[in-house]
Amino acid sequence: SKSNQHDKAAEHIVKLNEMSERLFGNSDAEDNASTLYYIGVNNQRLQEYEKAINYYLKSCDMRKRLVRDGGDHKDIALSLYNISYCFDKLDIRTKRRLNIL
């Protein structure tokens, strides 16, 4: 089933994130930012929008620290777009709880 495939994909990406942390530590690295982004993508596909937002924000924050040209970067823009998409998909109770409204 599609859900099972998404679960397996998410499981592999979490393993990738753990491996990335062992290899790079907690330091800012483009590979770490990409891994966080793709975990967000998988959560978004699973309609786990709150989790997706969390990973997109982590990825975006890390990329902002890595960018040296004033903070503008296509990957940051893409993360911000995905964050806004996920916020839009949240139900009204979750938006209130997260203080988005």
Protein backbone atom coordinates (compact mmCIF):
# COMPACT_ATOMS: atom_id res chain seq x y z
CA SER A 1 0.00 0.00 0.00
CA LYS A 2 1.02 3.61 -0.49
CA SER A 3 0.99 4.33 3.23
CA ASN A 4 3.31 1.39 3.86
CA GLN A 5 5.68 2.69 1.18
CA HIS A 6 5.69 6.14 2.80
CA ASP A 7 6.34 4.57 6.20
CA LYS A 8 9.33 2.67 4.81
CA ALA A 9 10.64 5.78 3.06
CA ALA A 10 10.30 7.82 6.26
CA GLU A 11 12.06 5.09 8.23
CA HIS A 12 15.00 5.12 5.82
CA ILE A 13 15.25 8.90 5.89
CA VAL A 14 15.29 8.91 9.70
CA LYS A 15 18.14 6.37 9.52
CA LEU A 16 19.89 8.66 7.04
CA ASN A 17 19.48 11.57 9.45
CA GLU A 18 20.97 9.54 12.29
CA MET A 19 23.91 8.53 10.11
CA SER A 20 24.36 12.12 8.97
CA GLU A 21 24.47 13.28 12.61
CA ARG A 22 27.14 10.65 13.38
CA LEU A 23 29.20 11.67 10.36
CA PHE A 24 28.83 15.43 10.62
CA GLY A 25 27.95 15.84 14.30
CA ASN A 26 25.52 18.58 15.15
CA SER A 27 27.44 21.02 13.00
CA ASP A 28 25.77 22.91 10.23
CA ALA A 29 26.32 21.15 6.92
CA GLU A 30 24.49 21.24 3.62
CA ASP A 31 24.01 17.46 3.77
CA ASN A 32 22.34 17.80 7.19
CA ALA A 33 20.07 20.57 5.91
CA SER A 34 19.08 18.46 2.91
CA THR A 35 18.35 15.43 5.09
CA LEU A 36 16.11 17.50 7.37
CA TYR A 37 14.33 18.90 4.31
CA TYR A 38 13.61 15.44 2.88
CA ILE A 39 12.31 14.18 6.21
CA GLY A 40 9.91 17.14 5.99
CA VAL A 41 8.92 16.14 2.47
CA ASN A 42 8.08 12.61 3.59
CA ASN A 43 6.04 13.86 6.54
CA GLN A 44 4.18 16.20 4.20
CA ARG A 45 3.39 13.28 1.86
CA LEU A 46 2.05 11.38 4.87
CA GLN A 47 -0.10 14.44 5.70
CA GLU A 48 1.82 14.84 8.97
CA TYR A 49 1.93 18.59 8.43
CA GLU A 50 3.02 19.63 11.92
CA LYS A 51 6.01 17.25 11.80
CA ALA A 52 6.83 18.42 8.28
CA ILE A 53 6.85 22.06 9.41
CA ASN A 54 9.25 21.20 12.22
CA TYR A 55 11.75 19.59 9.83
CA TYR A 56 11.38 22.33 7.21
CA LEU A 57 12.07 24.96 9.87
CA LYS A 58 15.18 23.12 11.09
CA SER A 59 16.43 22.79 7.52
CA CYS A 60 15.66 26.42 6.74
CA ASP A 61 17.40 27.69 9.89
CA MET A 62 20.49 25.60 9.16
CA ARG A 63 20.64 26.81 5.55
CA LYS A 64 20.32 30.42 6.70
CA ARG A 65 23.38 29.89 8.89
CA LEU A 66 25.26 28.32 5.96
CA VAL A 67 24.44 30.97 3.32
CA ARG A 68 26.93 33.79 3.08
CA ASP A 69 25.24 36.06 0.54
CA GLY A 70 22.75 37.80 2.79
CA GLY A 71 20.45 34.87 3.39
CA ASP A 72 18.87 34.48 -0.06
CA HIS A 73 19.00 30.96 -1.45
CA LYS A 74 16.66 28.88 -3.60
CA ASP A 75 16.54 26.05 -1.02
CA ILE A 76 15.52 28.49 1.73
CA ALA A 77 12.75 29.81 -0.53
CA LEU A 78 11.56 26.26 -1.25
CA SER A 79 11.48 25.42 2.47
CA LEU A 80 9.48 28.58 3.18
CA TYR A 81 7.01 27.68 0.44
CA ASN A 82 6.57 24.17 1.87
CA ILE A 83 6.12 25.59 5.38
CA SER A 84 3.33 27.87 4.15
CA TYR A 85 1.70 24.97 2.27
CA CYS A 86 1.72 22.81 5.40
CA PHE A 87 0.40 25.65 7.58
CA ASP A 88 -2.47 26.04 5.14
CA LYS A 89 -3.30 22.32 5.47
CA LEU A 90 -3.47 22.34 9.29
CA ASP A 91 -6.93 22.25 10.84
CA ILE A 92 -8.23 25.27 12.75
CA ARG A 93 -7.65 23.70 16.20
CA THR A 94 -4.01 23.00 15.42
CA LYS A 95 -3.51 26.51 14.06
CA ARG A 96 -4.96 27.94 17.27
CA ARG A 97 -2.80 25.66 19.41
CA LEU A 98 0.31 26.66 17.46
CA ASN A 99 -0.78 30.31 17.72
CA ILE A 100 -0.82 30.74 13.95
CA LEU A 101 -4.13 32.59 13.76
